[in-house]
Structures are given as C-alpha cells and as structure tokens.
PDB file of all heavy atoms in Angstrom:
ATOM      1  N   VAL A   1     113.725 106.839  99.108  1.00  0.00           N
ATOM      2  CA  VAL A   1     113.823 105.428  99.486  1.00  0.00           C
ATOM      3  C   VAL A   1     115.086 105.221 100.299  1.00  0.00           C
ATOM      4  O   VAL A   1     116.160 105.684  99.908  1.00  0.00           O
ATOM      5  CB  VAL A   1     113.860 104.517  98.239  1.00  0.00           C
ATOM      6  CG1 VAL A   1     113.996 103.053  98.643  1.00  0.00           C
ATOM      7  CG2 VAL A   1     112.612 104.704  97.399  1.00  0.00           C
ATOM      8  N   GLY A   2     114.945 104.547 101.447  1.00  0.00           N
ATOM      9  CA  GLY A   2     116.124 104.263 102.269  1.00  0.00           C
ATOM     10  C   GLY A   2     115.728 103.641 103.588  1.00  0.00           C
ATOM     11  O   GLY A   2     114.558 103.349 103.831  1.00  0.00           O
ATOM     12  N   THR A   3     116.734 103.426 104.445  1.00  0.00           N
ATOM     13  CA  THR A   3     116.462 102.873 105.768  1.00  0.00           C
ATOM     14  C   THR A   3     116.441 104.018 106.775  1.00  0.00           C
ATOM     15  O   THR A   3     117.278 104.925 106.718  1.00  0.00           O
ATOM     16  CB  THR A   3     117.518 101.841 106.180  1.00  0.00           C
ATOM     17  OG1 THR A   3     118.816 102.421 105.996  1.00  0.00           O
ATOM     18  CG2 THR A   3     117.416 100.585 105.320  1.00  0.00           C
ATOM     19  N   LEU A   4     115.495 103.966 107.693  1.00  0.00           N
ATOM     20  CA  LEU A   4     115.303 105.041 108.668  1.00  0.00           C
ATOM     21  C   LEU A   4     115.473 104.500 110.070  1.00  0.00           C
ATOM     22  O   LEU A   4     114.716 103.618 110.503  1.00  0.00           O
ATOM     23  CB  LEU A   4     113.902 105.640 108.498  1.00  0.00           C
ATOM     24  CG  LEU A   4     113.511 106.772 109.454  1.00  0.00           C
ATOM     25  CD1 LEU A   4     114.447 107.965 109.317  1.00  0.00           C
ATOM     26  CD2 LEU A   4     112.072 107.208 109.215  1.00  0.00           C
ATOM     27  N   GLY A   5     116.485 105.028 110.794  1.00  0.00           N
ATOM     28  CA  GLY A   5     116.670 104.668 112.202  1.00  0.00           C
ATOM     29  C   GLY A   5     116.783 103.173 112.412  1.00  0.00           C
ATOM     30  O   GLY A   5     117.533 102.475 111.725  1.00  0.00           O
ATOM     31  N   ASP A   6     115.995 102.660 113.363  1.00  0.00           N
ATOM     32  CA  ASP A   6     116.038 101.238 113.708  1.00  0.00           C
ATOM     33  C   ASP A   6     115.021 100.404 112.943  1.00  0.00           C
ATOM     34  O   ASP A   6     114.891  99.207 113.210  1.00  0.00           O
ATOM     35  CB  ASP A   6     115.810 101.066 115.219  1.00  0.00           C
ATOM     36  CG  ASP A   6     117.014 101.540 116.028  1.00  0.00           C
ATOM     37  OD1 ASP A   6     118.154 101.263 115.597  1.00  0.00           O
ATOM     38  OD2 ASP A   6     116.825 102.191 117.064  1.00  0.00           O
ATOM     39  N   ILE A   7     114.269 101.019 112.024  1.00  0.00           N
ATOM     40  CA  ILE A   7     113.325 100.242 111.212  1.00  0.00           C
ATOM     41  C   ILE A   7     114.148  99.379 110.263  1.00  0.00           C
ATOM     42  O   ILE A   7     114.958  99.888 109.486  1.00  0.00           O
ATOM     43  CB  ILE A   7     112.364 101.177 110.440  1.00  0.00           C
ATOM     44  CG1 ILE A   7     111.570 102.045 111.438  1.00  0.00           C
ATOM     45  CG2 ILE A   7     111.409 100.372 109.565  1.00  0.00           C
ATOM     46  CD1 ILE A   7     110.782 103.176 110.795  1.00  0.00           C
ATOM     47  N   SER A   8     113.963  98.064 110.347  1.00  0.00           N
ATOM     48  CA  SER A   8     114.928  97.145 109.722  1.00  0.00           C
ATOM     49  C   SER A   8     114.884  97.146 108.200  1.00  0.00           C
ATOM     50  O   SER A   8     115.907  96.997 107.540  1.00  0.00           O
ATOM     51  CB  SER A   8     114.706  95.724 110.240  1.00  0.00           C
ATOM     52  OG  SER A   8     113.362  95.322 109.969  1.00  0.00           O
ATOM     53  N   CYS A   9     113.688  97.301 107.598  1.00  0.00           N
ATOM     54  CA  CYS A   9     113.612  97.190 106.139  1.00  0.00           C
ATOM     55  C   CYS A   9     113.600  98.573 105.497  1.00  0.00           C
ATOM     56  O   CYS A   9     113.196  99.552 106.122  1.00  0.00           O
ATOM     57  CB  CYS A   9     112.358  96.416 105.741  1.00  0.00           C
ATOM     58  SG  CYS A   9     110.842  97.195 106.296  1.00  0.00           S
ATOM     59  N   PRO A  10     114.038  98.668 104.231  1.00  0.00           N
ATOM     60  CA  PRO A  10     113.971  99.960 103.531  1.00  0.00           C
ATOM     61  C   PRO A  10     112.517 100.432 103.412  1.00  0.00           C
ATOM     62  O   PRO A  10     111.599  99.621 103.312  1.00  0.00           O
ATOM     63  CB  PRO A  10     114.555  99.647 102.149  1.00  0.00           C
ATOM     64  CG  PRO A  10     115.338  98.398 102.317  1.00  0.00           C
ATOM     65  CD  PRO A  10     114.651  97.620 103.390  1.00  0.00           C
ATOM     66  N   LEU A  11     112.361 101.744 103.410  1.00  0.00           N
ATOM     67  CA  LEU A  11     111.029 102.339 103.277  1.00  0.00           C
ATOM     68  C   LEU A  11     110.998 103.288 102.085  1.00  0.00           C
ATOM     69  O   LEU A  11     111.987 103.942 101.776  1.00  0.00           O
ATOM     70  CB  LEU A  11     110.668 103.149 104.528  1.00  0.00           C
ATOM     71  CG  LEU A  11     110.521 102.418 105.858  1.00  0.00           C
ATOM     72  CD1 LEU A  11     110.243 103.422 106.974  1.00  0.00           C
ATOM     73  CD2 LEU A  11     109.402 101.382 105.796  1.00  0.00           C
ATOM     74  N   ALA A  12     109.831 103.355 101.448  1.00  0.00           N
ATOM     75  CA  ALA A  12     109.546 104.438 100.501  1.00  0.00           C
ATOM     76  C   ALA A  12     108.777 105.482 101.294  1.00  0.00           C
ATOM     77  O   ALA A  12     107.641 105.236 101.711  1.00  0.00           O
ATOM     78  CB  ALA A  12     108.710 103.923  99.342  1.00  0.00           C
ATOM     79  N   ILE A  13     109.412 106.616 101.556  1.00  0.00           N
ATOM     80  CA  ILE A  13     108.763 107.655 102.367  1.00  0.00           C
ATOM     81  C   ILE A  13     108.205 108.727 101.453  1.00  0.00           C
ATOM     82  O   ILE A  13     108.888 109.249 100.570  1.00  0.00           O
ATOM     83  CB  ILE A  13     109.733 108.229 103.408  1.00  0.00           C
ATOM     84  CG1 ILE A  13     110.056 107.121 104.418  1.00  0.00           C
ATOM     85  CG2 ILE A  13     109.135 109.458 104.092  1.00  0.00           C
ATOM     86  CD1 ILE A  13     110.729 107.548 105.676  1.00  0.00           C
ATOM     87  N   ILE A  14     106.926 109.020 101.679  1.00  0.00           N
ATOM     88  CA  ILE A  14     106.190 110.008 100.896  1.00  0.00           C
ATOM     89  C   ILE A  14     106.028 111.252 101.742  1.00  0.00           C
ATOM     90  O   ILE A  14     105.556 111.177 102.881  1.00  0.00           O
ATOM     91  CB  ILE A  14     104.767 109.479 100.579  1.00  0.00           C
ATOM     92  CG1 ILE A  14     104.836 108.163  99.822  1.00  0.00           C
ATOM     93  CG2 ILE A  14     103.955 110.503  99.806  1.00  0.00           C
ATOM     94  CD1 ILE A  14     105.340 108.301  98.452  1.00  0.00           C
ATOM     95  N   GLY A  15     106.391 112.393 101.191  1.00  0.00           N
ATOM     96  CA  GLY A  15     106.108 113.669 101.841  1.00  0.00           C
ATOM     97  C   GLY A  15     104.888 114.286 101.185  1.00  0.00           C
ATOM     98  O   GLY A  15     104.870 114.492  99.969  1.00  0.00           O
ATOM     99  N   GLY A  16     103.871 114.566 101.975  1.00  0.00           N
ATOM    100  CA  GLY A  16     102.626 115.118 101.444  1.00  0.00           C
ATOM    101  C   GLY A  16     102.258 116.423 102.121  1.00  0.00           C
ATOM    102  O   GLY A  16     103.136 117.195 102.533  1.00  0.00           O
ATOM    103  N   ASN A  17     100.979 116.663 102.263  1.00  0.00           N
ATOM    104  CA  ASN A  17     100.503 117.883 102.919  1.00  0.00           C
ATOM    105  C   ASN A  17     100.620 117.715 104.423  1.00  0.00           C
ATOM    106  O   ASN A  17      99.787 117.053 105.040  1.00  0.00           O
ATOM    107  CB  ASN A  17      99.051 118.174 102.504  1.00  0.00           C
ATOM    108  CG  ASN A  17      98.940 118.390 101.008  1.00  0.00           C
ATOM    109  OD1 ASN A  17      99.908 118.791 100.371  1.00  0.00           O
ATOM    110  ND2 ASN A  17      97.794 118.096 100.440  1.00  0.00           N
ATOM    111  N   CYS A  18     101.691 118.261 104.982  1.00  0.00           N
ATOM    112  CA  CYS A  18     101.960 118.244 106.437  1.00  0.00           C
ATOM    113  C   CYS A  18     102.173 116.838 106.994  1.00  0.00           C
ATOM    114  O   CYS A  18     102.103 116.651 108.208  1.00  0.00           O
ATOM    115  CB  CYS A  18     100.841 118.928 107.221  1.00  0.00           C
ATOM    116  SG  CYS A  18     100.514 120.590 106.655  1.00  0.00           S
ATOM    117  N   SER A  19     102.419 115.851 106.150  1.00  0.00           N
ATOM    118  CA  SER A  19     102.584 114.501 106.690  1.00  0.00           C
ATOM    119  C   SER A  19     103.710 113.755 105.991  1.00  0.00           C
ATOM    120  O   SER A  19     104.105 114.076 104.869  1.00  0.00           O
ATOM    121  CB  SER A  19     101.289 113.696 106.540  1.00  0.00           C
ATOM    122  OG  SER A  19     101.098 113.337 105.181  1.00  0.00           O
ATOM    123  N   LEU A  20     104.213 112.720 106.696  1.00  0.00           N
ATOM    124  CA  LEU A  20     105.218 111.802 106.162  1.00  0.00           C
ATOM    125  C   LEU A  20     104.696 110.389 106.367  1.00  0.00           C
ATOM    126  O   LEU A  20     104.239 110.045 107.459  1.00  0.00           O
ATOM    127  CB  LEU A  20     106.545 111.972 106.917  1.00  0.00           C
ATOM    128  CG  LEU A  20     107.204 113.349 106.835  1.00  0.00           C
ATOM    129  CD1 LEU A  20     108.242 113.505 107.935  1.00  0.00           C
ATOM    130  CD2 LEU A  20     107.838 113.557 105.465  1.00  0.00           C
ATOM    131  N   GLN A  21     104.770 109.567 105.315  1.00  0.00           N
ATOM    132  CA  GLN A  21     104.242 108.212 105.389  1.00  0.00           C
ATOM    133  C   GLN A  21     105.247 107.279 104.745  1.00  0.00           C
ATOM    134  O   GLN A  21     105.764 107.566 103.658  1.00  0.00           O
ATOM    135  CB  GLN A  21     102.909 108.166 104.627  1.00  0.00           C
ATOM    136  CG  GLN A  21     102.007 107.014 104.968  1.00  0.00           C
ATOM    137  CD  GLN A  21     100.611 107.179 104.350  1.00  0.00           C
ATOM    138  OE1 GLN A  21     100.345 108.172 103.675  1.00  0.00           O
ATOM    139  NE2 GLN A  21      99.743 106.227 104.582  1.00  0.00           N
ATOM    140  N   GLY A  22     105.553 106.160 105.424  1.00  0.00           N
ATOM    141  CA  GLY A  22     106.573 105.235 104.918  1.00  0.00           C
ATOM    142  C   GLY A  22     106.012 103.846 104.684  1.00  0.00           C
ATOM    143  O   GLY A  22     105.358 103.275 105.560  1.00  0.00           O
ATOM    144  N   PHE A  23     106.286 103.285 103.488  1.00  0.00           N
ATOM    145  CA  PHE A  23     105.791 101.959 103.109  1.00  0.00           C
ATOM    146  C   PHE A  23     106.963 101.020 102.860  1.00  0.00           C
ATOM    147  O   PHE A  23     107.980 101.424 102.292  1.00  0.00           O
ATOM    148  CB  PHE A  23     104.980 102.047 101.806  1.00  0.00           C
ATOM    149  CG  PHE A  23     103.752 102.904 101.905  1.00  0.00           C
ATOM    150  CD1 PHE A  23     103.814 104.267 101.616  1.00  0.00           C
ATOM    151  CD2 PHE A  23     102.528 102.366 102.278  1.00  0.00           C
ATOM    152  CE1 PHE A  23     102.688 105.064 101.692  1.00  0.00           C
ATOM    153  CE2 PHE A  23     101.393 103.159 102.360  1.00  0.00           C
ATOM    154  CZ  PHE A  23     101.463 104.514 102.072  1.00  0.00           C
ATOM    155  N   ASN A  24     106.790  99.733 103.253  1.00  0.00           N
ATOM    156  CA  ASN A  24     107.795  98.740 102.893  1.00  0.00           C
ATOM    157  C   ASN A  24     107.454  98.156 101.523  1.00  0.00           C
ATOM    158  O   ASN A  24     106.484  98.578 100.871  1.00  0.00           O
ATOM    159  CB  ASN A  24     107.918  97.664 103.974  1.00  0.00           C
ATOM    160  CG  ASN A  24     106.718  96.719 104.018  1.00  0.00           C
ATOM    161  OD1 ASN A  24     105.734  96.892 103.284  1.00  0.00           O
ATOM    162  ND2 ASN A  24     106.782  95.721 104.874  1.00  0.00           N
ATOM    163  N   TYR A  25     108.239  97.164 101.061  1.00  0.00           N
ATOM    164  CA  TYR A  25     108.076  96.663  99.686  1.00  0.00           C
ATOM    165  C   TYR A  25     106.748  95.929  99.482  1.00  0.00           C
ATOM    166  O   TYR A  25     106.328  95.705  98.355  1.00  0.00           O
ATOM    167  CB  TYR A  25     109.251  95.762  99.296  1.00  0.00           C
ATOM    168  CG  TYR A  25     109.305  94.432 100.022  1.00  0.00           C
ATOM    169  CD1 TYR A  25     108.701  93.298  99.480  1.00  0.00           C
ATOM    170  CD2 TYR A  25     109.958  94.308 101.238  1.00  0.00           C
ATOM    171  CE1 TYR A  25     108.743  92.077 100.139  1.00  0.00           C
ATOM    172  CE2 TYR A  25     110.008  93.104 101.902  1.00  0.00           C
ATOM    173  CZ  TYR A  25     109.393  91.989 101.351  1.00  0.00           C
ATOM    174  OH  TYR A  25     109.437  90.787 102.009  1.00  0.00           O
ATOM    175  N   GLU A  26     106.082  95.554 100.591  1.00  0.00           N
ATOM    176  CA  GLU A  26     104.769  94.903 100.466  1.00  0.00           C
ATOM    177  C   GLU A  26     103.631  95.917 100.480  1.00  0.00           C
ATOM    178  O   GLU A  26     102.471  95.549 100.375  1.00  0.00           O
ATOM    179  CB  GLU A  26     104.570  93.910 101.611  1.00  0.00           C
ATOM    180  CG  GLU A  26     105.551  92.746 101.587  1.00  0.00           C
ATOM    181  CD  GLU A  26     105.413  91.858 102.815  1.00  0.00           C
ATOM    182  OE1 GLU A  26     105.414  92.413 103.936  1.00  0.00           O
ATOM    183  OE2 GLU A  26     105.292  90.640 102.651  1.00  0.00           O
ATOM    184  N   GLY A  27     103.980  97.196 100.640  1.00  0.00           N
ATOM    185  CA  GLY A  27     102.942  98.215 100.714  1.00  0.00           C
ATOM    186  C   GLY A  27     102.383  98.411 102.105  1.00  0.00           C
ATOM    187  O   GLY A  27     101.370  99.099 102.286  1.00  0.00           O
ATOM    188  N   LYS A  28     103.050  97.817 103.125  1.00  0.00           N
ATOM    189  CA  LYS A  28     102.593  98.012 104.507  1.00  0.00           C
ATOM    190  C   LYS A  28     103.055  99.377 105.003  1.00  0.00           C
ATOM    191  O   LYS A  28     104.206  99.764 104.817  1.00  0.00           O
ATOM    192  CB  LYS A  28     103.139  96.907 105.416  1.00  0.00           C
ATOM    193  CG  LYS A  28     102.472  95.574 105.182  1.00  0.00           C
ATOM    194  CD  LYS A  28     102.995  94.515 106.140  1.00  0.00           C
ATOM    195  CE  LYS A  28     102.277  93.193 105.903  1.00  0.00           C
ATOM    196  NZ  LYS A  28     103.052  92.047 106.418  1.00  0.00           N
ATOM    197  N   ASP A  29     102.152 100.073 105.657  1.00  0.00           N
ATOM    198  CA  ASP A  29     102.403 101.415 106.182  1.00  0.00           C
ATOM    199  C   ASP A  29     103.120 101.275 107.529  1.00  0.00           C
ATOM    200  O   ASP A  29     102.488 101.039 108.553  1.00  0.00           O
ATOM    201  CB  ASP A  29     101.044 102.113 106.327  1.00  0.00           C
ATOM    202  CG  ASP A  29     101.171 103.562 106.747  1.00  0.00           C
ATOM    203  OD1 ASP A  29     102.279 103.978 107.098  1.00  0.00           O
ATOM    204  OD2 ASP A  29     100.152 104.264 106.731  1.00  0.00           O
ATOM    205  N   LEU A  30     104.465 101.401 107.519  1.00  0.00           N
ATOM    206  CA  LEU A  30     105.251 101.160 108.740  1.00  0.00           C
ATOM    207  C   LEU A  30     105.668 102.444 109.449  1.00  0.00           C
ATOM    208  O   LEU A  30     106.266 102.387 110.521  1.00  0.00           O
ATOM    209  CB  LEU A  30     106.521 100.363 108.400  1.00  0.00           C
ATOM    210  CG  LEU A  30     106.338  98.951 107.849  1.00  0.00           C
ATOM    211  CD1 LEU A  30     107.694  98.260 107.766  1.00  0.00           C
ATOM    212  CD2 LEU A  30     105.391  98.130 108.725  1.00  0.00           C
ATOM    213  N   PHE A  31     105.403 103.590 108.831  1.00  0.00           N
ATOM    214  CA  PHE A  31     105.878 104.852 109.420  1.00  0.00           C
ATOM    215  C   PHE A  31     104.890 105.955 109.058  1.00  0.00           C
ATOM    216  O   PHE A  31     104.448 106.051 107.913  1.00  0.00           O
ATOM    217  CB  PHE A  31     107.273 105.182 108.858  1.00  0.00           C
ATOM    218  CG  PHE A  31     107.813 106.519 109.286  1.00  0.00           C
ATOM    219  CD1 PHE A  31     108.339 106.704 110.554  1.00  0.00           C
ATOM    220  CD2 PHE A  31     107.787 107.604 108.418  1.00  0.00           C
ATOM    221  CE1 PHE A  31     108.845 107.946 110.948  1.00  0.00           C
ATOM    222  CE2 PHE A  31     108.285 108.843 108.792  1.00  0.00           C
ATOM    223  CZ  PHE A  31     108.813 109.007 110.078  1.00  0.00           C
TER     224      PHE A  31
END
C-alpha cells in the first residue's frame, strides 16, 4: 500500500501471475 508516481491517491497494489494491479480505497482499478 502506498502512493505511486503521479497517481494522487494511495493504491493497494497486488502482485499476481505476471501482473500488477492497483486499487484505490473505493475498489477502482487505477493501475
């Protein structure tokens, strides 16, 4: 969990099988 680059809100970033996915606190997939 943290802020990434210029994305303004903190993200929960999940590392999975060959992929990275980031969600904000509303569950929106922003990355």
